[in-house]
N, C-alpha and C. Protein backbone atom coordinates (compact mmCIF):
# COMPACT_ATOMS: atom_id res chain seq x y z
N MET A 1 -3.03 -3.02 -2.36
CA MET A 1 -3.62 -3.04 -1.04
C MET A 1 -2.58 -3.19 0.07
N ALA A 2 -1.40 -3.78 -0.27
CA ALA A 2 -0.36 -3.99 0.74
C ALA A 2 0.22 -2.68 1.24
N LEU A 3 -0.01 -1.59 0.54
CA LEU A 3 0.52 -0.30 0.97
C LEU A 3 -0.29 0.34 2.08
N VAL A 4 -1.45 -0.22 2.40
CA VAL A 4 -2.35 0.44 3.35
C VAL A 4 -1.73 0.59 4.73
N LEU A 5 -1.15 -0.48 5.32
CA LEU A 5 -0.61 -0.39 6.67
C LEU A 5 0.51 0.64 6.78
N PRO A 6 1.50 0.64 5.87
CA PRO A 6 2.54 1.67 5.98
C PRO A 6 1.98 3.09 5.84
N ILE A 7 1.00 3.27 4.98
CA ILE A 7 0.40 4.60 4.83
C ILE A 7 -0.30 5.00 6.12
N LEU A 8 -1.01 4.04 6.73
CA LEU A 8 -1.66 4.33 8.00
C LEU A 8 -0.64 4.67 9.08
N LEU A 9 0.46 3.92 9.13
CA LEU A 9 1.49 4.21 10.13
C LEU A 9 2.14 5.56 9.88
N ALA A 10 2.22 5.97 8.64
CA ALA A 10 2.86 7.24 8.32
C ALA A 10 1.94 8.42 8.61
N PHE A 11 0.64 8.26 8.36
CA PHE A 11 -0.25 9.42 8.42
C PHE A 11 -1.42 9.28 9.37
N ALA A 12 -1.61 8.15 10.02
CA ALA A 12 -2.81 7.91 10.82
C ALA A 12 -2.97 8.90 11.96
N SER A 13 -1.90 9.34 12.54
CA SER A 13 -2.01 10.24 13.69
C SER A 13 -2.45 11.64 13.30
N ALA A 14 -2.35 12.00 12.04
CA ALA A 14 -2.66 13.37 11.62
C ALA A 14 -4.13 13.72 11.79
N GLY A 15 -5.02 12.76 11.61
CA GLY A 15 -6.44 13.08 11.64
C GLY A 15 -7.16 12.56 12.86
N ILE A 16 -6.47 12.24 13.92
CA ILE A 16 -7.13 11.70 15.11
C ILE A 16 -7.91 12.81 15.81
N PRO A 17 -9.23 12.65 15.96
CA PRO A 17 -10.02 13.71 16.56
C PRO A 17 -9.92 13.76 18.08
N GLU A 18 -9.44 12.69 18.74
CA GLU A 18 -9.39 12.69 20.19
C GLU A 18 -8.41 13.74 20.71
N VAL A 19 -8.69 14.25 21.87
CA VAL A 19 -7.86 15.28 22.49
C VAL A 19 -6.56 14.66 22.98
N ALA A 20 -5.45 15.37 22.74
CA ALA A 20 -4.16 14.90 23.23
C ALA A 20 -4.09 15.07 24.74
N THR A 21 -3.33 14.19 25.38
CA THR A 21 -3.19 14.22 26.83
C THR A 21 -1.74 14.54 27.18
N ALA A 22 -1.56 15.57 27.99
CA ALA A 22 -0.22 15.94 28.43
C ALA A 22 0.32 14.87 29.37
N VAL A 23 1.63 14.62 29.32
CA VAL A 23 2.25 13.59 30.15
C VAL A 23 2.00 13.86 31.63
N ALA A 24 2.03 15.12 32.03
CA ALA A 24 1.83 15.46 33.45
C ALA A 24 0.45 15.06 33.96
N ARG A 25 -0.50 14.87 33.04
CA ARG A 25 -1.87 14.51 33.45
C ARG A 25 -2.12 13.01 33.40
N LEU A 26 -1.09 12.21 33.11
CA LEU A 26 -1.30 10.76 33.00
C LEU A 26 -1.34 10.06 34.35
N SER A 27 -0.75 10.65 35.38
CA SER A 27 -0.85 10.09 36.72
C SER A 27 -2.11 10.61 37.38
N THR A 28 -2.69 9.77 38.26
CA THR A 28 -3.88 10.17 39.00
C THR A 28 -3.58 10.07 40.49
N ALA A 29 -4.59 10.33 41.30
CA ALA A 29 -4.39 10.25 42.75
C ALA A 29 -4.06 8.83 43.19
N SER A 30 -4.54 7.83 42.46
CA SER A 30 -4.31 6.45 42.87
C SER A 30 -3.32 5.68 41.99
N LEU A 31 -3.08 6.17 40.75
CA LEU A 31 -2.18 5.47 39.83
C LEU A 31 -1.08 6.38 39.34
N ARG A 32 0.16 5.87 39.35
CA ARG A 32 1.33 6.61 38.91
C ARG A 32 1.74 6.12 37.52
N HIS A 33 1.93 7.06 36.59
CA HIS A 33 2.29 6.76 35.21
C HIS A 33 3.79 6.51 35.06
N HIS A 34 4.16 5.55 34.20
CA HIS A 34 5.55 5.29 33.84
C HIS A 34 5.62 5.03 32.34
N GLU A 35 6.52 5.71 31.64
CA GLU A 35 6.78 5.33 30.26
C GLU A 35 7.71 4.13 30.29
N VAL A 36 7.29 3.03 29.71
CA VAL A 36 8.05 1.79 29.76
C VAL A 36 9.00 1.69 28.57
N LEU A 37 8.53 2.08 27.37
CA LEU A 37 9.35 1.95 26.17
C LEU A 37 8.87 2.95 25.13
N ARG A 38 9.84 3.52 24.41
CA ARG A 38 9.54 4.41 23.28
C ARG A 38 9.99 3.71 22.02
N ILE A 39 9.15 3.72 21.01
CA ILE A 39 9.45 3.09 19.72
C ILE A 39 9.29 4.14 18.63
N ASP A 40 10.39 4.48 17.96
CA ASP A 40 10.25 5.40 16.84
C ASP A 40 10.04 4.58 15.57
N ARG A 41 9.74 5.26 14.47
CA ARG A 41 9.40 4.57 13.22
C ARG A 41 10.14 5.23 12.07
N ASP A 42 10.45 4.47 11.04
CA ASP A 42 11.05 5.09 9.86
C ASP A 42 10.04 5.14 8.71
N PHE A 43 8.80 5.42 9.04
CA PHE A 43 7.72 5.49 8.07
C PHE A 43 7.39 6.92 7.66
N GLY A 44 8.14 7.91 8.14
CA GLY A 44 7.80 9.31 7.90
C GLY A 44 7.14 9.91 9.12
N MET A 45 6.91 11.22 9.10
CA MET A 45 6.32 11.96 10.22
C MET A 45 7.00 11.57 11.54
N ALA A 46 8.30 11.86 11.62
CA ALA A 46 9.13 11.41 12.74
C ALA A 46 8.65 11.92 14.09
N LYS A 47 7.88 12.98 14.13
CA LYS A 47 7.43 13.49 15.43
C LYS A 47 6.49 12.52 16.13
N TRP A 48 5.85 11.62 15.39
CA TRP A 48 4.92 10.65 15.99
C TRP A 48 5.66 9.36 16.29
N GLU A 49 5.84 9.09 17.57
CA GLU A 49 6.48 7.86 18.02
C GLU A 49 5.44 7.03 18.78
N LEU A 50 5.75 5.77 18.99
CA LEU A 50 4.88 4.91 19.78
C LEU A 50 5.39 4.90 21.21
N ALA A 51 4.48 5.03 22.15
CA ALA A 51 4.84 4.99 23.57
C ALA A 51 4.11 3.83 24.23
N LEU A 52 4.86 2.99 24.93
CA LEU A 52 4.27 1.94 25.75
C LEU A 52 4.29 2.46 27.18
N ASP A 53 3.12 2.73 27.72
CA ASP A 53 2.99 3.32 29.05
C ASP A 53 2.36 2.33 30.01
N SER A 54 2.70 2.48 31.28
CA SER A 54 2.11 1.64 32.32
C SER A 54 1.66 2.53 33.48
N TRP A 55 0.78 1.97 34.29
CA TRP A 55 0.33 2.63 35.51
C TRP A 55 0.43 1.65 36.66
N MET A 56 0.91 2.16 37.79
CA MET A 56 1.04 1.37 39.01
C MET A 56 0.38 2.11 40.15
N PRO A 57 -0.10 1.37 41.15
CA PRO A 57 -0.67 2.05 42.31
C PRO A 57 0.35 2.98 42.97
N VAL A 58 -0.12 4.10 43.45
CA VAL A 58 0.75 5.05 44.15
C VAL A 58 1.32 4.41 45.41
N GLU A 59 0.52 3.60 46.08
CA GLU A 59 0.98 2.91 47.29
C GLU A 59 2.09 1.93 46.92
N PRO A 60 3.18 1.88 47.69
CA PRO A 60 4.29 0.97 47.39
C PRO A 60 3.85 -0.50 47.44
N GLY A 61 4.57 -1.32 46.67
CA GLY A 61 4.34 -2.76 46.70
C GLY A 61 3.30 -3.26 45.72
N GLY A 62 2.74 -2.39 44.91
CA GLY A 62 1.72 -2.81 43.96
C GLY A 62 2.32 -3.38 42.68
N SER A 63 1.46 -3.98 41.89
CA SER A 63 1.90 -4.51 40.60
C SER A 63 1.40 -3.59 39.49
N ILE A 64 1.80 -3.88 38.27
CA ILE A 64 1.39 -3.07 37.12
C ILE A 64 -0.12 -3.20 36.96
N ALA A 65 -0.81 -2.07 36.99
CA ALA A 65 -2.27 -2.08 36.90
C ALA A 65 -2.77 -2.03 35.47
N GLU A 66 -2.06 -1.31 34.61
CA GLU A 66 -2.52 -1.13 33.23
C GLU A 66 -1.34 -0.90 32.32
N LEU A 67 -1.53 -1.23 31.04
CA LEU A 67 -0.52 -1.05 30.01
C LEU A 67 -1.23 -0.54 28.77
N ARG A 68 -0.62 0.43 28.09
CA ARG A 68 -1.24 1.00 26.89
C ARG A 68 -0.18 1.35 25.86
N LEU A 69 -0.48 1.11 24.59
CA LEU A 69 0.36 1.52 23.48
C LEU A 69 -0.40 2.59 22.71
N TRP A 70 0.25 3.77 22.50
CA TRP A 70 -0.41 4.86 21.80
C TRP A 70 0.62 5.81 21.22
N TRP A 71 0.17 6.85 20.53
CA TRP A 71 1.07 7.82 19.92
C TRP A 71 1.64 8.76 20.97
N ALA A 72 2.89 9.19 20.77
CA ALA A 72 3.51 10.26 21.55
C ALA A 72 4.03 11.28 20.54
N ASN A 73 3.64 12.53 20.71
CA ASN A 73 4.07 13.59 19.81
C ASN A 73 5.37 14.19 20.37
N ALA A 74 6.50 13.81 19.78
CA ALA A 74 7.81 14.25 20.27
C ALA A 74 8.01 15.75 20.11
N ASP A 75 7.26 16.39 19.20
CA ASP A 75 7.39 17.83 19.00
C ASP A 75 6.44 18.64 19.88
N ASP A 76 5.61 17.96 20.68
CA ASP A 76 4.63 18.65 21.51
C ASP A 76 4.66 18.08 22.93
N ALA A 77 5.82 18.13 23.57
CA ALA A 77 5.99 17.71 24.97
C ALA A 77 5.52 16.28 25.22
N ASP A 78 5.66 15.41 24.20
CA ASP A 78 5.28 14.00 24.32
C ASP A 78 3.81 13.77 24.64
N ARG A 79 2.95 14.68 24.23
CA ARG A 79 1.51 14.49 24.44
C ARG A 79 1.08 13.18 23.81
N ARG A 80 0.18 12.47 24.50
CA ARG A 80 -0.28 11.16 24.04
C ARG A 80 -1.62 11.28 23.30
N LYS A 81 -1.77 10.42 22.28
CA LYS A 81 -3.04 10.29 21.56
C LYS A 81 -3.27 8.81 21.30
N PRO A 82 -4.50 8.36 21.46
CA PRO A 82 -4.80 6.96 21.15
C PRO A 82 -4.76 6.72 19.65
N PHE A 83 -4.56 5.46 19.26
CA PHE A 83 -4.67 5.10 17.85
C PHE A 83 -6.12 5.32 17.41
N SER A 84 -6.28 5.68 16.17
CA SER A 84 -7.63 5.83 15.63
C SER A 84 -8.30 4.47 15.56
N PRO A 85 -9.63 4.42 15.61
CA PRO A 85 -10.32 3.13 15.46
C PRO A 85 -9.94 2.44 14.15
N TYR A 86 -9.70 3.22 13.11
CA TYR A 86 -9.34 2.63 11.83
C TYR A 86 -7.98 1.92 11.90
N LEU A 87 -6.99 2.57 12.54
CA LEU A 87 -5.67 1.96 12.66
C LEU A 87 -5.71 0.71 13.55
N ARG A 88 -6.57 0.74 14.58
CA ARG A 88 -6.69 -0.42 15.47
C ARG A 88 -7.21 -1.66 14.75
N ARG A 89 -7.78 -1.48 13.57
CA ARG A 89 -8.21 -2.64 12.77
C ARG A 89 -7.01 -3.37 12.19
N TYR A 90 -5.86 -2.71 12.06
CA TYR A 90 -4.69 -3.28 11.40
C TYR A 90 -3.52 -3.56 12.34
N ILE A 91 -3.52 -2.94 13.52
CA ILE A 91 -2.47 -3.16 14.51
C ILE A 91 -3.12 -3.77 15.74
N GLU A 92 -2.59 -4.88 16.20
CA GLU A 92 -3.12 -5.51 17.41
C GLU A 92 -2.13 -5.33 18.54
N PHE A 93 -2.66 -5.03 19.71
CA PHE A 93 -1.85 -4.91 20.91
C PHE A 93 -2.63 -5.56 22.04
N GLY A 94 -1.98 -6.47 22.75
CA GLY A 94 -2.63 -7.10 23.89
C GLY A 94 -1.59 -7.59 24.87
N HIS A 95 -2.05 -7.93 26.06
CA HIS A 95 -1.14 -8.46 27.07
C HIS A 95 -1.88 -9.42 27.98
N GLN A 96 -1.10 -10.33 28.56
CA GLN A 96 -1.66 -11.32 29.47
C GLN A 96 -0.78 -11.38 30.70
N ARG A 97 -1.42 -11.37 31.86
CA ARG A 97 -0.68 -11.38 33.11
C ARG A 97 -0.34 -12.82 33.51
N GLY A 98 0.92 -13.05 33.85
CA GLY A 98 1.36 -14.36 34.33
C GLY A 98 1.19 -14.48 35.83
N ASP A 99 1.41 -15.67 36.35
CA ASP A 99 1.28 -15.91 37.79
C ASP A 99 2.24 -15.05 38.61
N ASP A 100 3.39 -14.68 38.02
CA ASP A 100 4.38 -13.86 38.73
C ASP A 100 4.10 -12.36 38.62
N GLY A 101 3.00 -11.98 37.96
CA GLY A 101 2.64 -10.57 37.81
C GLY A 101 3.20 -9.92 36.56
N ALA A 102 4.12 -10.61 35.86
CA ALA A 102 4.68 -10.05 34.62
C ALA A 102 3.62 -10.09 33.52
N LEU A 103 3.71 -9.14 32.60
CA LEU A 103 2.77 -9.06 31.49
C LEU A 103 3.47 -9.48 30.20
N THR A 104 2.95 -10.51 29.55
CA THR A 104 3.46 -10.91 28.24
C THR A 104 2.70 -10.11 27.20
N VAL A 105 3.44 -9.33 26.43
CA VAL A 105 2.85 -8.40 25.46
C VAL A 105 2.93 -9.01 24.07
N GLN A 106 1.86 -8.85 23.31
CA GLN A 106 1.80 -9.27 21.91
C GLN A 106 1.51 -8.03 21.08
N LEU A 107 2.36 -7.77 20.09
CA LEU A 107 2.18 -6.66 19.16
C LEU A 107 2.20 -7.27 17.76
N ALA A 108 1.11 -7.08 17.01
CA ALA A 108 1.01 -7.73 15.70
C ALA A 108 0.53 -6.74 14.64
N GLY A 109 1.03 -6.96 13.44
CA GLY A 109 0.61 -6.20 12.27
C GLY A 109 1.40 -6.66 11.07
N ASP A 110 0.80 -6.53 9.89
CA ASP A 110 1.46 -6.88 8.64
C ASP A 110 1.96 -8.33 8.62
N GLY A 111 1.17 -9.24 9.23
CA GLY A 111 1.51 -10.66 9.19
C GLY A 111 2.60 -11.09 10.15
N LYS A 112 3.00 -10.22 11.09
CA LYS A 112 4.05 -10.55 12.05
C LYS A 112 3.54 -10.32 13.48
N ARG A 113 3.93 -11.20 14.39
CA ARG A 113 3.59 -11.03 15.80
C ARG A 113 4.88 -11.02 16.61
N TYR A 114 5.07 -9.95 17.39
CA TYR A 114 6.23 -9.78 18.26
C TYR A 114 5.78 -9.96 19.70
N SER A 115 6.64 -10.57 20.51
CA SER A 115 6.32 -10.79 21.92
C SER A 115 7.47 -10.29 22.79
N PHE A 116 7.12 -9.72 23.92
CA PHE A 116 8.10 -9.34 24.93
C PHE A 116 7.39 -9.29 26.27
N VAL A 117 8.15 -9.10 27.33
CA VAL A 117 7.60 -9.15 28.69
C VAL A 117 7.81 -7.80 29.37
N VAL A 118 6.80 -7.35 30.09
CA VAL A 118 6.91 -6.16 30.94
C VAL A 118 6.77 -6.62 32.38
N GLU A 119 7.77 -6.30 33.18
CA GLU A 119 7.75 -6.68 34.60
C GLU A 119 8.46 -5.61 35.41
N LEU A 120 8.33 -5.72 36.72
CA LEU A 120 9.00 -4.77 37.59
C LEU A 120 10.49 -5.07 37.64
N GLY A 121 11.30 -4.05 37.40
CA GLY A 121 12.75 -4.19 37.47
C GLY A 121 13.23 -4.05 38.90
N VAL A 122 14.54 -4.07 39.08
CA VAL A 122 15.11 -3.97 40.43
C VAL A 122 14.78 -2.63 41.09
N SER A 123 14.53 -1.60 40.29
CA SER A 123 14.18 -0.29 40.85
C SER A 123 12.71 -0.20 41.26
N GLY A 124 11.93 -1.25 40.93
CA GLY A 124 10.51 -1.24 41.27
C GLY A 124 9.63 -0.61 40.22
N THR A 125 10.22 -0.18 39.10
CA THR A 125 9.44 0.39 38.01
C THR A 125 9.37 -0.61 36.85
N PRO A 126 8.34 -0.52 36.00
CA PRO A 126 8.18 -1.46 34.90
C PRO A 126 9.29 -1.33 33.86
N GLU A 127 9.75 -2.48 33.37
CA GLU A 127 10.78 -2.55 32.33
C GLU A 127 10.38 -3.61 31.32
N VAL A 128 10.91 -3.46 30.08
CA VAL A 128 10.65 -4.41 29.01
C VAL A 128 11.83 -5.35 28.86
N PHE A 129 11.56 -6.64 28.75
CA PHE A 129 12.58 -7.65 28.50
C PHE A 129 12.18 -8.45 27.27
N ALA A 130 13.14 -8.68 26.38
CA ALA A 130 12.87 -9.44 25.16
C ALA A 130 14.09 -10.24 24.76
N THR A 131 13.86 -11.27 23.98
CA THR A 131 14.95 -11.94 23.28
C THR A 131 15.27 -11.07 22.08
N VAL A 132 16.55 -10.78 21.89
CA VAL A 132 16.99 -9.93 20.78
C VAL A 132 18.04 -10.70 19.99
N ILE A 133 17.93 -10.64 18.67
CA ILE A 133 18.90 -11.30 17.80
C ILE A 133 19.76 -10.23 17.15
N ARG A 134 21.06 -10.27 17.46
CA ARG A 134 22.00 -9.28 16.92
C ARG A 134 22.22 -9.54 15.43
N GLY A 135 22.86 -8.57 14.77
CA GLY A 135 23.16 -8.68 13.35
C GLY A 135 24.01 -9.87 12.98
N ASP A 136 24.84 -10.35 13.91
CA ASP A 136 25.68 -11.52 13.63
C ASP A 136 24.97 -12.84 13.91
N GLY A 137 23.68 -12.77 14.27
CA GLY A 137 22.90 -13.99 14.53
C GLY A 137 22.89 -14.44 15.97
N THR A 138 23.68 -13.78 16.82
CA THR A 138 23.72 -14.15 18.24
C THR A 138 22.40 -13.80 18.91
N GLU A 139 21.85 -14.77 19.63
CA GLU A 139 20.60 -14.54 20.36
C GLU A 139 20.92 -14.08 21.77
N VAL A 140 20.33 -12.98 22.18
CA VAL A 140 20.54 -12.44 23.53
C VAL A 140 19.22 -12.59 24.28
N PRO A 141 19.12 -13.57 25.18
CA PRO A 141 17.87 -13.76 25.91
C PRO A 141 17.71 -12.73 27.03
N ARG A 142 16.48 -12.44 27.34
CA ARG A 142 16.14 -11.56 28.47
C ARG A 142 16.98 -10.29 28.48
N CYS A 143 16.96 -9.59 27.38
CA CYS A 143 17.69 -8.32 27.25
C CYS A 143 16.74 -7.19 27.67
N ARG A 144 17.19 -6.32 28.58
CA ARG A 144 16.36 -5.21 29.06
C ARG A 144 16.36 -4.11 28.01
N CYS A 145 15.19 -3.84 27.43
CA CYS A 145 15.07 -2.94 26.28
C CYS A 145 14.93 -1.49 26.73
N GLU A 146 15.74 -0.61 26.09
CA GLU A 146 15.70 0.82 26.40
C GLU A 146 15.03 1.62 25.31
N ARG A 147 15.08 1.16 24.08
CA ARG A 147 14.54 1.94 22.95
C ARG A 147 14.24 0.99 21.81
N GLY A 148 13.15 1.24 21.10
CA GLY A 148 12.76 0.42 19.96
C GLY A 148 12.66 1.24 18.69
N ARG A 149 12.65 0.54 17.58
CA ARG A 149 12.46 1.18 16.27
C ARG A 149 11.68 0.22 15.38
N LEU A 150 10.58 0.70 14.84
CA LEU A 150 9.80 -0.06 13.89
C LEU A 150 10.32 0.28 12.51
N VAL A 151 10.87 -0.73 11.82
CA VAL A 151 11.54 -0.53 10.54
C VAL A 151 10.60 -0.94 9.41
N ALA A 152 10.49 -0.08 8.41
CA ALA A 152 9.62 -0.34 7.27
C ALA A 152 10.30 -1.26 6.26
N ARG A 153 9.51 -2.15 5.67
CA ARG A 153 9.94 -2.90 4.49
C ARG A 153 9.66 -1.99 3.30
N ARG A 154 10.64 -1.84 2.42
CA ARG A 154 10.52 -0.86 1.34
C ARG A 154 10.76 -1.49 -0.03
N ILE A 155 10.09 -0.92 -1.02
CA ILE A 155 10.36 -1.20 -2.43
C ILE A 155 10.50 0.14 -3.12
N LEU A 156 11.61 0.33 -3.80
CA LEU A 156 11.91 1.60 -4.47
C LEU A 156 11.81 2.78 -3.50
N GLY A 157 12.21 2.55 -2.25
CA GLY A 157 12.21 3.60 -1.25
C GLY A 157 10.87 3.85 -0.58
N LEU A 158 9.80 3.23 -1.05
CA LEU A 158 8.47 3.44 -0.47
C LEU A 158 8.16 2.36 0.56
N PRO A 159 7.64 2.74 1.73
CA PRO A 159 7.29 1.73 2.73
C PRO A 159 6.09 0.91 2.27
N ILE A 160 6.24 -0.43 2.34
CA ILE A 160 5.13 -1.30 1.93
C ILE A 160 4.73 -2.26 3.04
N GLY A 161 5.35 -2.18 4.19
CA GLY A 161 5.01 -3.06 5.29
C GLY A 161 6.02 -2.92 6.42
N ILE A 162 5.92 -3.82 7.38
CA ILE A 162 6.82 -3.81 8.53
C ILE A 162 7.92 -4.84 8.29
N GLU A 163 9.16 -4.39 8.33
CA GLU A 163 10.31 -5.28 8.15
C GLU A 163 10.73 -5.90 9.48
N ALA A 164 10.85 -5.07 10.53
CA ALA A 164 11.38 -5.58 11.79
C ALA A 164 11.07 -4.63 12.94
N LEU A 165 11.16 -5.18 14.15
CA LEU A 165 11.12 -4.39 15.37
C LEU A 165 12.52 -4.49 15.97
N GLN A 166 13.29 -3.39 15.87
CA GLN A 166 14.65 -3.36 16.42
C GLN A 166 14.61 -2.88 17.86
N MET A 167 15.58 -3.34 18.65
CA MET A 167 15.69 -2.92 20.04
C MET A 167 17.13 -2.62 20.39
N ARG A 168 17.30 -1.62 21.23
CA ARG A 168 18.58 -1.36 21.89
C ARG A 168 18.38 -1.82 23.33
N CYS A 169 19.27 -2.68 23.82
CA CYS A 169 19.01 -3.30 25.12
C CYS A 169 20.31 -3.62 25.86
N THR A 170 20.16 -4.04 27.11
CA THR A 170 21.29 -4.41 27.97
C THR A 170 21.04 -5.79 28.53
N ASP A 171 22.04 -6.68 28.42
CA ASP A 171 21.86 -8.05 28.92
C ASP A 171 22.10 -8.12 30.42
N VAL A 172 21.97 -9.32 30.98
CA VAL A 172 22.08 -9.49 32.44
C VAL A 172 23.47 -9.16 32.97
N SER A 173 24.50 -9.19 32.11
CA SER A 173 25.86 -8.86 32.55
C SER A 173 26.17 -7.37 32.39
N GLY A 174 25.22 -6.59 31.84
CA GLY A 174 25.43 -5.16 31.66
C GLY A 174 25.96 -4.77 30.30
N GLN A 175 26.13 -5.73 29.40
CA GLN A 175 26.62 -5.43 28.05
C GLN A 175 25.47 -4.95 27.17
N ARG A 176 25.72 -3.89 26.38
CA ARG A 176 24.70 -3.32 25.50
C ARG A 176 24.67 -4.04 24.17
N HIS A 177 23.46 -4.14 23.60
CA HIS A 177 23.26 -4.81 22.32
C HIS A 177 22.24 -4.05 21.48
N GLU A 178 22.30 -4.28 20.17
CA GLU A 178 21.26 -3.84 19.26
C GLU A 178 20.92 -5.02 18.38
N GLY A 179 19.63 -5.20 18.12
CA GLY A 179 19.20 -6.31 17.29
C GLY A 179 17.71 -6.25 17.07
N VAL A 180 17.17 -7.35 16.56
CA VAL A 180 15.74 -7.40 16.27
C VAL A 180 15.05 -8.38 17.21
N VAL A 181 13.80 -8.08 17.51
CA VAL A 181 12.96 -9.01 18.26
C VAL A 181 12.44 -10.02 17.25
N PRO A 182 12.63 -11.32 17.49
CA PRO A 182 12.12 -12.30 16.53
C PRO A 182 10.60 -12.24 16.47
N HIS A 183 10.06 -12.58 15.32
CA HIS A 183 8.61 -12.59 15.16
C HIS A 183 8.15 -13.96 14.69
N VAL A 184 6.88 -14.21 14.87
CA VAL A 184 6.26 -15.41 14.31
C VAL A 184 5.19 -14.94 13.33
N PRO A 185 4.88 -15.76 12.33
CA PRO A 185 3.82 -15.37 11.41
C PRO A 185 2.51 -15.18 12.15
N HIS A 186 1.78 -14.18 11.73
CA HIS A 186 0.50 -13.84 12.34
C HIS A 186 -0.58 -14.10 11.30
N ALA A 187 -1.42 -15.09 11.56
CA ALA A 187 -2.41 -15.53 10.57
C ALA A 187 -3.47 -14.48 10.27
N ASP A 188 -3.77 -13.62 11.23
CA ASP A 188 -4.82 -12.62 11.02
C ASP A 188 -4.22 -11.38 10.37
N ASP A 189 -3.75 -11.53 9.14
CA ASP A 189 -3.12 -10.44 8.40
C ASP A 189 -4.21 -9.67 7.67
N ARG A 190 -4.85 -8.76 8.36
CA ARG A 190 -5.97 -8.04 7.79
C ARG A 190 -5.49 -7.02 6.76
N ARG A 191 -6.06 -7.06 5.62
CA ARG A 191 -5.79 -6.12 4.55
C ARG A 191 -6.96 -5.16 4.45
N TYR A 192 -6.71 -4.04 3.83
CA TYR A 192 -7.74 -3.02 3.66
C TYR A 192 -8.93 -3.58 2.91
N GLN A 193 -10.11 -3.34 3.46
CA GLN A 193 -11.37 -3.71 2.79
C GLN A 193 -12.21 -2.44 2.67
N PRO A 194 -12.62 -2.08 1.48
CA PRO A 194 -13.44 -0.88 1.33
C PRO A 194 -14.72 -1.00 2.16
N GLU A 195 -15.11 0.11 2.79
CA GLU A 195 -16.31 0.09 3.64
C GLU A 195 -17.55 0.36 2.82
């Protein structure tokens, strides 16, 4: 049963009946779309990446109005598709707005919960900030994340779960880093249950 989540991550996007949305259609008359973070996966089907998107009011001075995590088809002009209802049973995504307008994001699956913050950067567009732990164990606080990778835990080469969420980021002094976002155990580790 532990193989269910990796299989879903590898193939879940193939059968989604919802219509794909072109990136050019994500902005509206009142809300402007921004891709905040792209997360690729090493679970197979490399064309399907995760996109964390945000929307802000077109009028200057607004705060982040909405945040969404969904599929991006890298082979089809980054068209977006929502996760299937079935996959949403195993992957949790949520956010909470702080008093300063920043959004604390929680991403959970396979018994792990990752947290990071989305807030307006100096350019006025949304950016992701996270604590990242480099390979040598050095902790880099408040690292501005440019790219993520969801790494599979494997046995005999087969994905059996989520090993880590890696990030490529830049610290406050401008130095680039690569490392993992620390996780905490997630008690709601839902396993496949036959319907």
